[in-house]
PDB file of N, CA and C in Angstrom:
ATOM      1  N   MET A   1      19.272  28.327  17.620  1.00  0.00           N
ATOM      2  CA  MET A   1      20.054  27.116  17.709  1.00  0.00           C
ATOM      3  C   MET A   1      20.934  27.006  16.461  1.00  0.00           C
ATOM      4  N   ALA A   2      22.197  26.966  16.640  1.00  0.00           N
ATOM      5  CA  ALA A   2      23.141  26.859  15.525  1.00  0.00           C
ATOM      6  C   ALA A   2      23.576  25.407  15.356  1.00  0.00           C
ATOM      7  N   PHE A   3      23.771  25.016  14.104  1.00  0.00           N
ATOM      8  CA  PHE A   3      24.247  23.672  13.811  1.00  0.00           C
ATOM      9  C   PHE A   3      25.764  23.680  13.697  1.00  0.00           C
ATOM     10  N   THR A   4      26.360  22.592  14.110  1.00  0.00           N
ATOM     11  CA  THR A   4      27.802  22.439  13.965  1.00  0.00           C
ATOM     12  C   THR A   4      28.099  22.041  12.512  1.00  0.00           C
ATOM     13  N   PRO A   5      29.331  22.218  12.062  1.00  0.00           N
ATOM     14  CA  PRO A   5      29.670  21.769  10.706  1.00  0.00           C
ATOM     15  C   PRO A   5      29.384  20.277  10.496  1.00  0.00           C
ATOM     16  N   ASP A   6      29.610  19.448  11.508  1.00  0.00           N
ATOM     17  CA  ASP A   6      29.321  18.009  11.384  1.00  0.00           C
ATOM     18  C   ASP A   6      27.824  17.759  11.221  1.00  0.00           C
ATOM     19  N   GLU A   7      27.004  18.497  11.944  1.00  0.00           N
ATOM     20  CA  GLU A   7      25.550  18.345  11.827  1.00  0.00           C
ATOM     21  C   GLU A   7      25.068  18.804  10.450  1.00  0.00           C
ATOM     22  N   ILE A   8      25.643  19.869   9.953  1.00  0.00           N
ATOM     23  CA  ILE A   8      25.282  20.363   8.621  1.00  0.00           C
ATOM     24  C   ILE A   8      25.634  19.323   7.567  1.00  0.00           C
ATOM     25  N   ARG A   9      26.829  18.747   7.653  1.00  0.00           N
ATOM     26  CA  ARG A   9      27.241  17.704   6.716  1.00  0.00           C
ATOM     27  C   ARG A   9      26.321  16.486   6.805  1.00  0.00           C
ATOM     28  N   ALA A  10      25.998  16.083   8.040  1.00  0.00           N
ATOM     29  CA  ALA A  10      25.126  14.916   8.233  1.00  0.00           C
ATOM     30  C   ALA A  10      23.746  15.164   7.623  1.00  0.00           C
ATOM     31  N   ASN A  11      23.203  16.358   7.820  1.00  0.00           N
ATOM     32  CA  ASN A  11      21.895  16.694   7.238  1.00  0.00           C
ATOM     33  C   ASN A  11      21.963  16.725   5.716  1.00  0.00           C
ATOM     34  N   ARG A  12      23.014  17.329   5.173  1.00  0.00           N
ATOM     35  CA  ARG A  12      23.181  17.388   3.724  1.00  0.00           C
ATOM     36  C   ARG A  12      23.257  15.973   3.145  1.00  0.00           C
ATOM     37  N   ASP A  13      24.062  15.118   3.768  1.00  0.00           N
ATOM     38  CA  ASP A  13      24.223  13.749   3.289  1.00  0.00           C
ATOM     39  C   ASP A  13      22.919  12.966   3.388  1.00  0.00           C
ATOM     40  N   TYR A  14      22.193  13.172   4.492  1.00  0.00           N
ATOM     41  CA  TYR A  14      20.918  12.481   4.683  1.00  0.00           C
ATOM     42  C   TYR A  14      19.942  12.836   3.558  1.00  0.00           C
ATOM     43  N   PHE A  15      19.775  14.131   3.287  1.00  0.00           N
ATOM     44  CA  PHE A  15      18.803  14.536   2.281  1.00  0.00           C
ATOM     45  C   PHE A  15      19.267  14.213   0.864  1.00  0.00           C
ATOM     46  N   ALA A  16      20.555  14.247   0.602  1.00  0.00           N
ATOM     47  CA  ALA A  16      21.067  13.847  -0.706  1.00  0.00           C
ATOM     48  C   ALA A  16      20.761  12.371  -0.945  1.00  0.00           C
ATOM     49  N   HIS A  17      20.981  11.537   0.065  1.00  0.00           N
ATOM     50  CA  HIS A  17      20.678  10.107  -0.048  1.00  0.00           C
ATOM     51  C   HIS A  17      19.175   9.893  -0.229  1.00  0.00           C
ATOM     52  N   LYS A  18      18.381  10.612   0.533  1.00  0.00           N
ATOM     53  CA  LYS A  18      16.921  10.487   0.459  1.00  0.00           C
ATOM     54  C   LYS A  18      16.419  10.824  -0.949  1.00  0.00           C
ATOM     55  N   LEU A  19      16.953  11.882  -1.549  1.00  0.00           N
ATOM     56  CA  LEU A  19      16.526  12.260  -2.895  1.00  0.00           C
ATOM     57  C   LEU A  19      16.938  11.221  -3.932  1.00  0.00           C
ATOM     58  N   ARG A  20      18.089  10.587  -3.750  1.00  0.00           N
ATOM     59  CA  ARG A  20      18.522   9.544  -4.679  1.00  0.00           C
ATOM     60  C   ARG A  20      17.686   8.280  -4.504  1.00  0.00           C
ATOM     61  N   ALA A  21      17.236   8.007  -3.288  1.00  0.00           N
ATOM     62  CA  ALA A  21      16.547   6.752  -2.983  1.00  0.00           C
ATOM     63  C   ALA A  21      15.046   6.806  -3.265  1.00  0.00           C
ATOM     64  N   GLU A  22      14.476   7.993  -3.351  1.00  0.00           N
ATOM     65  CA  GLU A  22      13.033   8.104  -3.514  1.00  0.00           C
ATOM     66  C   GLU A  22      12.668   8.584  -4.910  1.00  0.00           C
ATOM     67  N   LYS A  23      11.648   7.965  -5.465  1.00  0.00           N
ATOM     68  CA  LYS A  23      11.098   8.406  -6.748  1.00  0.00           C
ATOM     69  C   LYS A  23      10.167   9.573  -6.440  1.00  0.00           C
ATOM     70  N   GLN A  24      10.291  10.610  -7.183  1.00  0.00           N
ATOM     71  CA  GLN A  24       9.443  11.771  -6.958  1.00  0.00           C
ATOM     72  C   GLN A  24       8.017  11.487  -7.433  1.00  0.00           C
ATOM     73  N   ARG A  25       7.048  11.947  -6.664  1.00  0.00           N
ATOM     74  CA  ARG A  25       5.632  11.722  -6.974  1.00  0.00           C
ATOM     75  C   ARG A  25       5.312  12.178  -8.401  1.00  0.00           C
ATOM     76  N   ASN A  26       5.851  13.296  -8.791  1.00  0.00           N
ATOM     77  CA  ASN A  26       5.593  13.831 -10.119  1.00  0.00           C
ATOM     78  C   ASN A  26       6.095  12.889 -11.213  1.00  0.00           C
ATOM     79  N   ASP A  27       7.219  12.216 -10.982  1.00  0.00           N
ATOM     80  CA  ASP A  27       7.740  11.253 -11.951  1.00  0.00           C
ATOM     81  C   ASP A  27       6.793  10.071 -12.115  1.00  0.00           C
ATOM     82  N   VAL A  28       6.207   9.622 -11.007  1.00  0.00           N
ATOM     83  CA  VAL A  28       5.241   8.507 -11.063  1.00  0.00           C
ATOM     84  C   VAL A  28       3.992   8.949 -11.812  1.00  0.00           C
ATOM     85  N   LEU A  29       3.492  10.158 -11.507  1.00  0.00           N
ATOM     86  CA  LEU A  29       2.302  10.654 -12.198  1.00  0.00           C
ATOM     87  C   LEU A  29       2.548  10.807 -13.694  1.00  0.00           C
ATOM     88  N   HIS A  30       3.717  11.292 -14.060  1.00  0.00           N
ATOM     89  CA  HIS A  30       4.053  11.435 -15.478  1.00  0.00           C
ATOM     90  C   HIS A  30       4.086  10.060 -16.161  1.00  0.00           C
ATOM     91  N   ALA A  31       4.664   9.079 -15.512  1.00  0.00           N
ATOM     92  CA  ALA A  31       4.712   7.725 -16.078  1.00  0.00           C
ATOM     93  C   ALA A  31       3.296   7.179 -16.270  1.00  0.00           C
ATOM     94  N   LEU A  32       2.415   7.457 -15.318  1.00  0.00           N
ATOM     95  CA  LEU A  32       1.020   7.022 -15.452  1.00  0.00           C
ATOM     96  C   LEU A  32       0.352   7.674 -16.656  1.00  0.00           C
ATOM     97  N   GLU A  33       0.555   8.980 -16.791  1.00  0.00           N
ATOM     98  CA  GLU A  33      -0.061   9.706 -17.901  1.00  0.00           C
ATOM     99  C   GLU A  33       0.439   9.194 -19.241  1.00  0.00           C
ATOM    100  N   GLU A  34       1.724   8.890 -19.318  1.00  0.00           N
ATOM    101  CA  GLU A  34       2.321   8.424 -20.563  1.00  0.00           C
ATOM    102  C   GLU A  34       2.108   6.929 -20.792  1.00  0.00           C
ATOM    103  N   GLY A  35       1.770   6.199 -19.723  1.00  0.00           N
ATOM    104  CA  GLY A  35       1.603   4.749 -19.830  1.00  0.00           C
ATOM    105  C   GLY A  35       2.916   4.018 -20.028  1.00  0.00           C
ATOM    106  N   GLU A  36       4.011   4.642 -19.614  1.00  0.00           N
ATOM    107  CA  GLU A  36       5.342   4.053 -19.786  1.00  0.00           C
ATOM    108  C   GLU A  36       6.044   3.941 -18.444  1.00  0.00           C
ATOM    109  N   PHE A  37       5.955   2.776 -17.849  1.00  0.00           N
ATOM    110  CA  PHE A  37       6.612   2.522 -16.575  1.00  0.00           C
ATOM    111  C   PHE A  37       8.006   1.979 -16.835  1.00  0.00           C
ATOM    112  N   ASN A  38       9.029   2.623 -16.323  1.00  0.00           N
ATOM    113  CA  ASN A  38      10.376   2.058 -16.378  1.00  0.00           C
ATOM    114  C   ASN A  38      10.758   1.570 -14.983  1.00  0.00           C
ATOM    115  N   PHE A  39       9.730   1.306 -14.187  1.00  0.00           N
ATOM    116  CA  PHE A  39       9.900   0.839 -12.813  1.00  0.00           C
ATOM    117  C   PHE A  39       8.730  -0.071 -12.470  1.00  0.00           C
ATOM    118  N   VAL A  40       8.862  -0.783 -11.361  1.00  0.00           N
ATOM    119  CA  VAL A  40       7.783  -1.629 -10.859  1.00  0.00           C
ATOM    120  C   VAL A  40       7.111  -0.871  -9.719  1.00  0.00           C
ATOM    121  N   LEU A  41       5.805  -0.711  -9.798  1.00  0.00           N
ATOM    122  CA  LEU A  41       5.047   0.035  -8.798  1.00  0.00           C
ATOM    123  C   LEU A  41       4.333  -0.949  -7.874  1.00  0.00           C
ATOM    124  N   LEU A  42       4.698  -0.915  -6.593  1.00  0.00           N
ATOM    125  CA  LEU A  42       4.107  -1.821  -5.603  1.00  0.00           C
ATOM    126  C   LEU A  42       3.212  -1.052  -4.646  1.00  0.00           C
ATOM    127  N   ASP A  43       1.985  -1.508  -4.503  1.00  0.00           N
ATOM    128  CA  ASP A  43       1.045  -0.974  -3.522  1.00  0.00           C
ATOM    129  C   ASP A  43       1.195  -1.836  -2.272  1.00  0.00           C
ATOM    130  N   THR A  44       1.727  -1.272  -1.207  1.00  0.00           N
ATOM    131  CA  THR A  44       2.035  -2.065  -0.013  1.00  0.00           C
ATOM    132  C   THR A  44       0.903  -2.096   1.009  1.00  0.00           C
ATOM    133  N   ARG A  45      -0.276  -1.646   0.607  1.00  0.00           N
ATOM    134  CA  ARG A  45      -1.431  -1.762   1.500  1.00  0.00           C
ATOM    135  C   ARG A  45      -1.926  -3.201   1.490  1.00  0.00           C
ATOM    136  N   GLY A  46      -2.901  -3.501   2.292  1.00  0.00           N
ATOM    137  CA  GLY A  46      -3.477  -4.842   2.329  1.00  0.00           C
ATOM    138  C   GLY A  46      -4.266  -5.150   1.062  1.00  0.00           C
ATOM    139  N   ARG A  47      -4.556  -6.424   0.869  1.00  0.00           N
ATOM    140  CA  ARG A  47      -5.265  -6.863  -0.339  1.00  0.00           C
ATOM    141  C   ARG A  47      -6.668  -6.267  -0.444  1.00  0.00           C
ATOM    142  N   GLU A  48      -7.340  -6.109   0.673  1.00  0.00           N
ATOM    143  CA  GLU A  48      -8.695  -5.537   0.651  1.00  0.00           C
ATOM    144  C   GLU A  48      -8.659  -4.084   0.179  1.00  0.00           C
ATOM    145  N   SER A  49      -7.718  -3.319   0.701  1.00  0.00           N
ATOM    146  CA  SER A  49      -7.581  -1.924   0.272  1.00  0.00           C
ATOM    147  C   SER A  49      -7.216  -1.850  -1.202  1.00  0.00           C
ATOM    148  N   PHE A  50      -6.318  -2.714  -1.641  1.00  0.00           N
ATOM    149  CA  PHE A  50      -5.905  -2.759  -3.043  1.00  0.00           C
ATOM    150  C   PHE A  50      -7.119  -3.047  -3.925  1.00  0.00           C
ATOM    151  N   ALA A  51      -7.934  -4.011  -3.523  1.00  0.00           N
ATOM    152  CA  ALA A  51      -9.115  -4.376  -4.304  1.00  0.00           C
ATOM    153  C   ALA A  51     -10.108  -3.222  -4.378  1.00  0.00           C
ATOM    154  N   GLY A  52     -10.109  -2.370  -3.345  1.00  0.00           N
ATOM    155  CA  GLY A  52     -11.015  -1.230  -3.316  1.00  0.00           C
ATOM    156  C   GLY A  52     -10.588  -0.095  -4.233  1.00  0.00           C
ATOM    157  N   GLY A  53      -9.386  -0.141  -4.723  1.00  0.00           N
ATOM    158  CA  GLY A  53      -8.883   0.888  -5.630  1.00  0.00           C
ATOM    159  C   GLY A  53      -7.385   1.037  -5.506  1.00  0.00           C
ATOM    160  N   HIS A  54      -6.724   1.184  -6.636  1.00  0.00           N
ATOM    161  CA  HIS A  54      -5.266   1.328  -6.650  1.00  0.00           C
ATOM    162  C   HIS A  54      -4.836   2.047  -7.917  1.00  0.00           C
ATOM    163  N   ILE A  55      -3.584   2.432  -7.959  1.00  0.00           N
ATOM    164  CA  ILE A  55      -3.035   3.089  -9.144  1.00  0.00           C
ATOM    165  C   ILE A  55      -2.952   2.056 -10.270  1.00  0.00           C
ATOM    166  N   PRO A  56      -3.482   2.369 -11.444  1.00  0.00           N
ATOM    167  CA  PRO A  56      -3.414   1.423 -12.565  1.00  0.00           C
ATOM    168  C   PRO A  56      -1.967   1.012 -12.847  1.00  0.00           C
ATOM    169  N   GLY A  57      -1.750  -0.275 -12.987  1.00  0.00           N
ATOM    170  CA  GLY A  57      -0.419  -0.791 -13.263  1.00  0.00           C
ATOM    171  C   GLY A  57       0.342  -1.217 -12.024  1.00  0.00           C
ATOM    172  N   ALA A  58      -0.173  -0.859 -10.849  1.00  0.00           N
ATOM    173  CA  ALA A  58       0.492  -1.244  -9.598  1.00  0.00           C
ATOM    174  C   ALA A  58       0.243  -2.715  -9.299  1.00  0.00           C
ATOM    175  N   LEU A  59       1.179  -3.304  -8.599  1.00  0.00           N
ATOM    176  CA  LEU A  59       1.038  -4.682  -8.133  1.00  0.00           C
ATOM    177  C   LEU A  59       0.712  -4.672  -6.651  1.00  0.00           C
ATOM    178  N   CYS A  60      -0.127  -5.587  -6.220  1.00  0.00           N
ATOM    179  CA  CYS A  60      -0.461  -5.702  -4.805  1.00  0.00           C
ATOM    180  C   CYS A  60       0.685  -6.410  -4.082  1.00  0.00           C
ATOM    181  N   ALA A  61       1.260  -5.741  -3.097  1.00  0.00           N
ATOM    182  CA  ALA A  61       2.394  -6.295  -2.347  1.00  0.00           C
ATOM    183  C   ALA A  61       2.296  -5.875  -0.886  1.00  0.00           C
ATOM    184  N   PRO A  62       1.351  -6.476  -0.143  1.00  0.00           N
ATOM    185  CA  PRO A  62       1.204  -6.112   1.268  1.00  0.00           C
ATOM    186  C   PRO A  62       2.528  -6.285   2.023  1.00  0.00           C
ATOM    187  N   MET A  63       2.759  -5.416   2.975  1.00  0.00           N
ATOM    188  CA  MET A  63       4.024  -5.404   3.725  1.00  0.00           C
ATOM    189  C   MET A  63       4.395  -6.783   4.255  1.00  0.00           C
ATOM    190  N   GLU A  64       3.431  -7.515   4.779  1.00  0.00           N
ATOM    191  CA  GLU A  64       3.740  -8.824   5.367  1.00  0.00           C
ATOM    192  C   GLU A  64       4.148  -9.861   4.321  1.00  0.00           C
ATOM    193  N   GLU A  65       3.869  -9.589   3.044  1.00  0.00           N
ATOM    194  CA  GLU A  65       4.230 -10.511   1.973  1.00  0.00           C
ATOM    195  C   GLU A  65       5.516 -10.108   1.239  1.00  0.00           C
ATOM    196  N   LEU A  66       6.067  -8.947   1.557  1.00  0.00           N
ATOM    197  CA  LEU A  66       7.242  -8.461   0.837  1.00  0.00           C
ATOM    198  C   LEU A  66       8.437  -9.405   0.863  1.00  0.00           C
ATOM    199  N   PRO A  67       8.759 -10.033   2.001  1.00  0.00           N
ATOM    200  CA  PRO A  67       9.904 -10.949   1.971  1.00  0.00           C
ATOM    201  C   PRO A  67       9.743 -12.069   0.930  1.00  0.00           C
ATOM    202  N   LYS A  68       8.532 -12.598   0.802  1.00  0.00           N
ATOM    203  CA  LYS A  68       8.276 -13.663  -0.162  1.00  0.00           C
ATOM    204  C   LYS A  68       8.290 -13.122  -1.595  1.00  0.00           C
ATOM    205  N   LEU A  69       7.727 -11.930  -1.794  1.00  0.00           N
ATOM    206  CA  LEU A  69       7.649 -11.344  -3.128  1.00  0.00           C
ATOM    207  C   LEU A  69       8.992 -10.828  -3.628  1.00  0.00           C
ATOM    208  N   ALA A  70       9.872 -10.452  -2.723  1.00  0.00           N
ATOM    209  CA  ALA A  70      11.167  -9.885  -3.119  1.00  0.00           C
ATOM    210  C   ALA A  70      11.941 -10.814  -4.038  1.00  0.00           C
ATOM    211  N   ALA A  71      11.813 -12.104  -3.831  1.00  0.00           N
ATOM    212  CA  ALA A  71      12.547 -13.076  -4.642  1.00  0.00           C
ATOM    213  C   ALA A  71      12.078 -13.105  -6.097  1.00  0.00           C
ATOM    214  N   ILE A  72      10.840 -12.701  -6.354  1.00  0.00           N
ATOM    215  CA  ILE A  72      10.328 -12.773  -7.727  1.00  0.00           C
ATOM    216  C   ILE A  72      10.275 -11.418  -8.433  1.00  0.00           C
ATOM    217  N   LEU A  73      10.659 -10.359  -7.747  1.00  0.00           N
ATOM    218  CA  LEU A  73      10.666  -9.042  -8.376  1.00  0.00           C
ATOM    219  C   LEU A  73      11.864  -8.915  -9.309  1.00  0.00           C
ATOM    220  N   PRO A  74      11.701  -8.178 -10.402  1.00  0.00           N
ATOM    221  CA  PRO A  74      12.821  -8.029 -11.337  1.00  0.00           C
ATOM    222  C   PRO A  74      13.998  -7.314 -10.679  1.00  0.00           C
ATOM    223  N   LYS A  75      15.184  -7.747 -11.025  1.00  0.00           N
ATOM    224  CA  LYS A  75      16.410  -7.154 -10.466  1.00  0.00           C
ATOM    225  C   LYS A  75      16.918  -6.007 -11.330  1.00  0.00           C
ATOM    226  N   ASP A  76      16.379  -5.873 -12.535  1.00  0.00           N
ATOM    227  CA  ASP A  76      16.884  -4.872 -13.458  1.00  0.00           C
ATOM    228  C   ASP A  76      16.003  -3.628 -13.559  1.00  0.00           C
ATOM    229  N   LYS A  77      15.019  -3.501 -12.661  1.00  0.00           N
ATOM    230  CA  LYS A  77      14.142  -2.332 -12.665  1.00  0.00           C
ATOM    231  C   LYS A  77      14.085  -1.716 -11.273  1.00  0.00           C
ATOM    232  N   GLU A  78      13.849  -0.426 -11.261  1.00  0.00           N
ATOM    233  CA  GLU A  78      13.661   0.288 -10.003  1.00  0.00           C
ATOM    234  C   GLU A  78      12.333  -0.162  -9.386  1.00  0.00           C
ATOM    235  N   ILE A  79      12.318  -0.352  -8.085  1.00  0.00           N
ATOM    236  CA  ILE A  79      11.101  -0.725  -7.359  1.00  0.00           C
ATOM    237  C   ILE A  79      10.590   0.521  -6.638  1.00  0.00           C
ATOM    238  N   VAL A  80       9.341   0.882  -6.897  1.00  0.00           N
ATOM    239  CA  VAL A  80       8.718   2.047  -6.265  1.00  0.00           C
ATOM    240  C   VAL A  80       7.540   1.543  -5.451  1.00  0.00           C
ATOM    241  N   THR A  81       7.492   1.909  -4.194  1.00  0.00           N
ATOM    242  CA  THR A  81       6.392   1.483  -3.334  1.00  0.00           C
ATOM    243  C   THR A  81       5.525   2.675  -2.947  1.00  0.00           C
ATOM    244  N   TYR A  82       4.270   2.378  -2.664  1.00  0.00           N
ATOM    245  CA  TYR A  82       3.402   3.410  -2.100  1.00  0.00           C
ATOM    246  C   TYR A  82       2.386   2.739  -1.201  1.00  0.00           C
ATOM    247  N   CYS A  83       1.799   3.537  -0.325  1.00  0.00           N
ATOM    248  CA  CYS A  83       0.724   3.069   0.545  1.00  0.00           C
ATOM    249  C   CYS A  83      -0.305   4.185   0.608  1.00  0.00           C
ATOM    250  N   TRP A  84      -0.777   4.526   1.755  1.00  0.00           N
ATOM    251  CA  TRP A  84      -1.748   5.605   1.889  1.00  0.00           C
ATOM    252  C   TRP A  84      -1.059   6.920   1.687  1.00  0.00           C
ATOM    253  N   GLY A  85      -1.739   7.837   1.013  1.00  0.00           N
ATOM    254  CA  GLY A  85      -1.205   9.185   0.830  1.00  0.00           C
ATOM    255  C   GLY A  85      -2.199  10.191   1.387  1.00  0.00           C
ATOM    256  N   HIS A  86      -1.672  11.246   1.931  1.00  0.00           N
ATOM    257  CA  HIS A  86      -2.508  12.308   2.484  1.00  0.00           C
ATOM    258  C   HIS A  86      -2.027  13.649   1.959  1.00  0.00           C
ATOM    259  N   ASP A  87      -2.350  13.950   0.694  1.00  0.00           N
ATOM    260  CA  ASP A  87      -1.932  15.215   0.095  1.00  0.00           C
ATOM    261  C   ASP A  87      -2.918  16.306   0.388  1.00  0.00           C
TER     262      ASP A  87
END
């Protein structure tokens, strides 16, 4: 199956945008190790899961509460979210 030039451009643009929009896992781990967050880390799981364990420094921000929390989040920092991971 060959891609058309338009499809190639669309894929390139999609992944370029995705890389700009997502914080790399390694960057988050490095920030944890150094204890220097230049971003806000939000755990979007439920409160019970958060209470059972979370990344140190993360804030509990369940998905259903995000609209309310968005108003109080800092505007001058990058917001990084996470939920369940399966590495």
